Structure formats: structure tokens, C-alpha cells
N, C-alpha and C. Protein backbone atom coordinates (compact mmCIF):
# COMPACT_ATOMS: atom_id res chain seq x y z
N MET A 1 45.95 -59.60 38.49
CA MET A 1 44.56 -59.98 38.48
C MET A 1 43.74 -58.76 38.06
N SER A 2 42.85 -58.93 37.09
CA SER A 2 41.99 -57.83 36.66
C SER A 2 40.79 -57.72 37.58
N VAL A 3 40.09 -56.59 37.48
CA VAL A 3 38.89 -56.42 38.29
C VAL A 3 37.85 -57.48 37.96
N GLU A 4 37.81 -57.94 36.73
CA GLU A 4 36.85 -58.98 36.34
C GLU A 4 37.16 -60.30 37.03
N ASP A 5 38.37 -60.47 37.54
CA ASP A 5 38.77 -61.70 38.21
C ASP A 5 38.57 -61.64 39.73
N VAL A 6 38.08 -60.52 40.24
CA VAL A 6 37.87 -60.38 41.67
C VAL A 6 36.78 -61.35 42.10
N LEU A 7 37.06 -62.13 43.15
CA LEU A 7 36.09 -63.10 43.65
C LEU A 7 35.14 -62.42 44.63
N ASP A 8 33.86 -62.82 44.58
CA ASP A 8 32.92 -62.30 45.56
C ASP A 8 32.77 -63.30 46.70
N GLU A 9 31.79 -63.08 47.56
CA GLU A 9 31.62 -63.95 48.72
C GLU A 9 31.26 -65.39 48.35
N THR A 10 30.80 -65.61 47.11
CA THR A 10 30.50 -66.97 46.67
C THR A 10 31.74 -67.68 46.14
N GLY A 11 32.83 -66.92 45.98
CA GLY A 11 34.05 -67.50 45.44
C GLY A 11 34.11 -67.50 43.93
N HIS A 12 33.23 -66.72 43.29
CA HIS A 12 33.19 -66.67 41.82
C HIS A 12 33.49 -65.26 41.33
N SER A 13 34.05 -65.19 40.13
CA SER A 13 34.35 -63.90 39.52
C SER A 13 33.34 -63.61 38.40
N ASN A 14 33.31 -62.36 37.98
CA ASN A 14 32.43 -62.00 36.86
C ASN A 14 32.92 -62.63 35.56
N ASN A 15 34.22 -62.89 35.45
CA ASN A 15 34.71 -63.63 34.28
C ASN A 15 34.11 -65.03 34.24
N GLU A 16 34.03 -65.68 35.41
CA GLU A 16 33.40 -67.00 35.46
C GLU A 16 31.93 -66.91 35.07
N ARG A 17 31.25 -65.91 35.59
CA ARG A 17 29.83 -65.74 35.25
C ARG A 17 29.64 -65.53 33.75
N ALA A 18 30.50 -64.73 33.16
CA ALA A 18 30.42 -64.49 31.72
C ALA A 18 30.66 -65.79 30.95
N ALA A 19 31.60 -66.61 31.41
CA ALA A 19 31.88 -67.89 30.74
C ALA A 19 30.67 -68.82 30.85
N TRP A 20 30.01 -68.85 32.01
CA TRP A 20 28.81 -69.68 32.16
C TRP A 20 27.72 -69.21 31.21
N ALA A 21 27.55 -67.90 31.11
CA ALA A 21 26.54 -67.35 30.22
C ALA A 21 26.86 -67.67 28.76
N GLU A 22 28.15 -67.62 28.42
CA GLU A 22 28.56 -67.96 27.05
C GLU A 22 28.22 -69.41 26.73
N GLU A 23 28.42 -70.30 27.70
CA GLU A 23 28.06 -71.71 27.51
C GLU A 23 26.55 -71.86 27.33
N ALA A 24 25.78 -71.14 28.12
CA ALA A 24 24.32 -71.20 28.00
C ALA A 24 23.88 -70.69 26.64
N LEU A 25 24.47 -69.59 26.19
CA LEU A 25 24.13 -69.04 24.88
C LEU A 25 24.49 -70.01 23.78
N ALA A 26 25.64 -70.65 23.86
CA ALA A 26 26.05 -71.62 22.84
C ALA A 26 25.06 -72.79 22.80
N ALA A 27 24.63 -73.27 23.97
CA ALA A 27 23.66 -74.37 24.01
C ALA A 27 22.34 -73.92 23.39
N TYR A 28 21.91 -72.72 23.70
CA TYR A 28 20.67 -72.16 23.15
C TYR A 28 20.77 -72.07 21.63
N LEU A 29 21.90 -71.56 21.14
CA LEU A 29 22.05 -71.35 19.70
C LEU A 29 22.20 -72.67 18.94
N SER A 30 22.60 -73.73 19.62
CA SER A 30 22.78 -75.01 18.93
C SER A 30 21.43 -75.56 18.43
N GLY A 31 20.34 -75.07 19.01
CA GLY A 31 19.02 -75.54 18.62
C GLY A 31 18.31 -74.65 17.63
N LYS A 32 18.95 -73.60 17.17
CA LYS A 32 18.32 -72.69 16.21
C LYS A 32 19.37 -72.10 15.30
N LYS A 33 18.89 -71.49 14.24
CA LYS A 33 19.82 -70.81 13.34
C LYS A 33 20.19 -69.49 13.99
N ASP A 34 21.46 -69.37 14.33
CA ASP A 34 21.90 -68.17 15.03
C ASP A 34 22.33 -67.09 14.06
N GLU A 35 22.25 -65.90 14.56
CA GLU A 35 22.78 -64.75 13.84
C GLU A 35 24.20 -64.52 14.35
N GLU A 36 24.97 -63.81 13.60
CA GLU A 36 26.33 -63.50 14.04
C GLU A 36 26.34 -62.41 15.10
N ASP A 37 25.27 -61.68 15.21
CA ASP A 37 25.20 -60.53 16.10
C ASP A 37 24.94 -60.99 17.54
N ILE A 38 25.91 -60.81 18.42
CA ILE A 38 25.79 -61.24 19.81
C ILE A 38 24.64 -60.54 20.50
N GLU A 39 24.41 -59.27 20.20
CA GLU A 39 23.32 -58.54 20.84
C GLU A 39 21.97 -59.14 20.48
N ALA A 40 21.77 -59.47 19.21
CA ALA A 40 20.51 -60.08 18.78
C ALA A 40 20.32 -61.45 19.43
N ASN A 41 21.39 -62.23 19.51
CA ASN A 41 21.31 -63.55 20.12
C ASN A 41 21.00 -63.46 21.61
N LEU A 42 21.63 -62.54 22.30
CA LEU A 42 21.35 -62.35 23.72
C LEU A 42 19.91 -61.90 23.94
N THR A 43 19.44 -61.00 23.09
CA THR A 43 18.06 -60.52 23.19
C THR A 43 17.08 -61.66 23.00
N ASP A 44 17.32 -62.50 22.00
CA ASP A 44 16.44 -63.65 21.76
C ASP A 44 16.45 -64.61 22.94
N LEU A 45 17.62 -64.87 23.51
CA LEU A 45 17.71 -65.77 24.65
C LEU A 45 16.94 -65.22 25.84
N VAL A 46 17.13 -63.95 26.14
CA VAL A 46 16.42 -63.35 27.27
C VAL A 46 14.91 -63.39 27.02
N ALA A 47 14.48 -63.07 25.82
CA ALA A 47 13.05 -63.11 25.49
C ALA A 47 12.49 -64.52 25.67
N ASP A 48 13.24 -65.51 25.22
CA ASP A 48 12.77 -66.89 25.36
C ASP A 48 12.77 -67.34 26.82
N LEU A 49 13.71 -66.84 27.62
CA LEU A 49 13.68 -67.13 29.05
C LEU A 49 12.45 -66.50 29.70
N LEU A 50 12.02 -65.34 29.21
CA LEU A 50 10.81 -64.73 29.73
C LEU A 50 9.58 -65.55 29.36
N HIS A 51 9.57 -66.14 28.16
CA HIS A 51 8.49 -67.06 27.78
C HIS A 51 8.48 -68.26 28.72
N LEU A 52 9.65 -68.77 29.05
CA LEU A 52 9.75 -69.90 29.98
C LEU A 52 9.21 -69.51 31.35
N ALA A 53 9.55 -68.32 31.80
CA ALA A 53 9.03 -67.85 33.08
C ALA A 53 7.51 -67.78 33.06
N ALA A 54 6.95 -67.20 32.01
CA ALA A 54 5.49 -67.08 31.91
C ALA A 54 4.83 -68.46 31.88
N ALA A 55 5.43 -69.39 31.15
CA ALA A 55 4.87 -70.75 31.05
C ALA A 55 4.87 -71.45 32.40
N ASN A 56 5.77 -71.01 33.29
CA ASN A 56 5.86 -71.61 34.62
C ASN A 56 5.28 -70.71 35.70
N LYS A 57 4.49 -69.72 35.26
CA LYS A 57 3.82 -68.78 36.17
C LYS A 57 4.80 -68.07 37.12
N VAL A 58 5.95 -67.73 36.58
CA VAL A 58 6.96 -66.96 37.31
C VAL A 58 6.84 -65.51 36.87
N ASP A 59 6.95 -64.60 37.80
CA ASP A 59 6.87 -63.17 37.51
C ASP A 59 8.14 -62.73 36.77
N ALA A 60 8.03 -62.61 35.46
CA ALA A 60 9.19 -62.28 34.62
C ALA A 60 9.77 -60.92 34.97
N ALA A 61 8.92 -59.96 35.28
CA ALA A 61 9.42 -58.62 35.63
C ALA A 61 10.25 -58.69 36.91
N LEU A 62 9.80 -59.48 37.87
CA LEU A 62 10.56 -59.65 39.11
C LEU A 62 11.91 -60.31 38.83
N VAL A 63 11.92 -61.31 37.97
CA VAL A 63 13.16 -61.98 37.61
C VAL A 63 14.13 -60.99 36.97
N LEU A 64 13.62 -60.16 36.06
CA LEU A 64 14.49 -59.17 35.42
C LEU A 64 15.03 -58.16 36.43
N ARG A 65 14.19 -57.70 37.34
CA ARG A 65 14.65 -56.74 38.36
C ARG A 65 15.72 -57.37 39.24
N ARG A 66 15.48 -58.60 39.68
CA ARG A 66 16.45 -59.28 40.53
C ARG A 66 17.75 -59.53 39.78
N ALA A 67 17.64 -59.94 38.52
CA ALA A 67 18.84 -60.18 37.72
C ALA A 67 19.65 -58.90 37.59
N TRP A 68 18.97 -57.78 37.32
CA TRP A 68 19.67 -56.51 37.21
C TRP A 68 20.34 -56.14 38.53
N ASP A 69 19.63 -56.36 39.64
CA ASP A 69 20.21 -56.07 40.95
C ASP A 69 21.45 -56.92 41.21
N HIS A 70 21.40 -58.19 40.86
CA HIS A 70 22.56 -59.07 41.03
C HIS A 70 23.73 -58.57 40.19
N TYR A 71 23.44 -58.25 38.93
CA TYR A 71 24.48 -57.76 38.03
C TYR A 71 25.12 -56.48 38.59
N ALA A 72 24.27 -55.53 39.01
CA ALA A 72 24.79 -54.26 39.53
C ALA A 72 25.63 -54.49 40.78
N TYR A 73 25.19 -55.37 41.66
CA TYR A 73 25.95 -55.67 42.87
C TYR A 73 27.30 -56.28 42.52
N GLU A 74 27.30 -57.24 41.60
CA GLU A 74 28.55 -57.90 41.21
C GLU A 74 29.51 -56.93 40.53
N LYS A 75 28.99 -56.00 39.75
CA LYS A 75 29.84 -54.98 39.13
C LYS A 75 30.40 -54.03 40.19
N ARG A 76 29.61 -53.70 41.20
CA ARG A 76 30.09 -52.82 42.28
C ARG A 76 31.24 -53.48 43.03
N LEU A 77 31.16 -54.81 43.21
CA LEU A 77 32.24 -55.51 43.90
C LEU A 77 33.57 -55.35 43.18
N GLU A 78 33.52 -55.28 41.86
CA GLU A 78 34.76 -55.09 41.09
C GLU A 78 35.41 -53.75 41.40
N ALA A 79 34.58 -52.77 41.67
CA ALA A 79 35.09 -51.41 41.87
C ALA A 79 35.71 -51.21 43.24
N THR A 80 35.50 -52.17 44.12
CA THR A 80 36.04 -52.00 45.48
C THR A 80 37.39 -52.66 45.63
């Protein structure tokens, strides 16, 4: 089992999270002309999610901080 397969207290691994994100990105790209560059596509998706947050009066900066905290915590779990 690789570190990416380590399950956290929710019973999910970072590999599973990456697969979910890949599905979300594929759904997002199905509605627009995508670029081959994964970094550009991810950037566009995150930017559009921030537009969605603003449209729903959600604090986008808070969402980004929390998302980063979740990511950092989940990566730390792999190291243990």
C-alpha cells in the first residue's frame, strides 16, 4: 500500500480524493473547449468555483484557506 492509499478517519485516501477531483474536472471540461494543459484547466476550474462562491455570497478567501488546510492535513496523514 502506498502512502497515497492511507485511509484517514473518514475512511478515504488521497488517491480517492484525486479520482473525485479528476471526475469533477472532466465534467467541467465537457462543457467548454479544454486545453491539454492540466495546470491551466485546474486554474480555470478553481477560478470558476470562486465565481460561484461570489455569486452565492460565500467568502471565497475563506473557502481557499479551508481547502488548503484540508489538503495540508490530508498530506500530513500520509507522512505518519
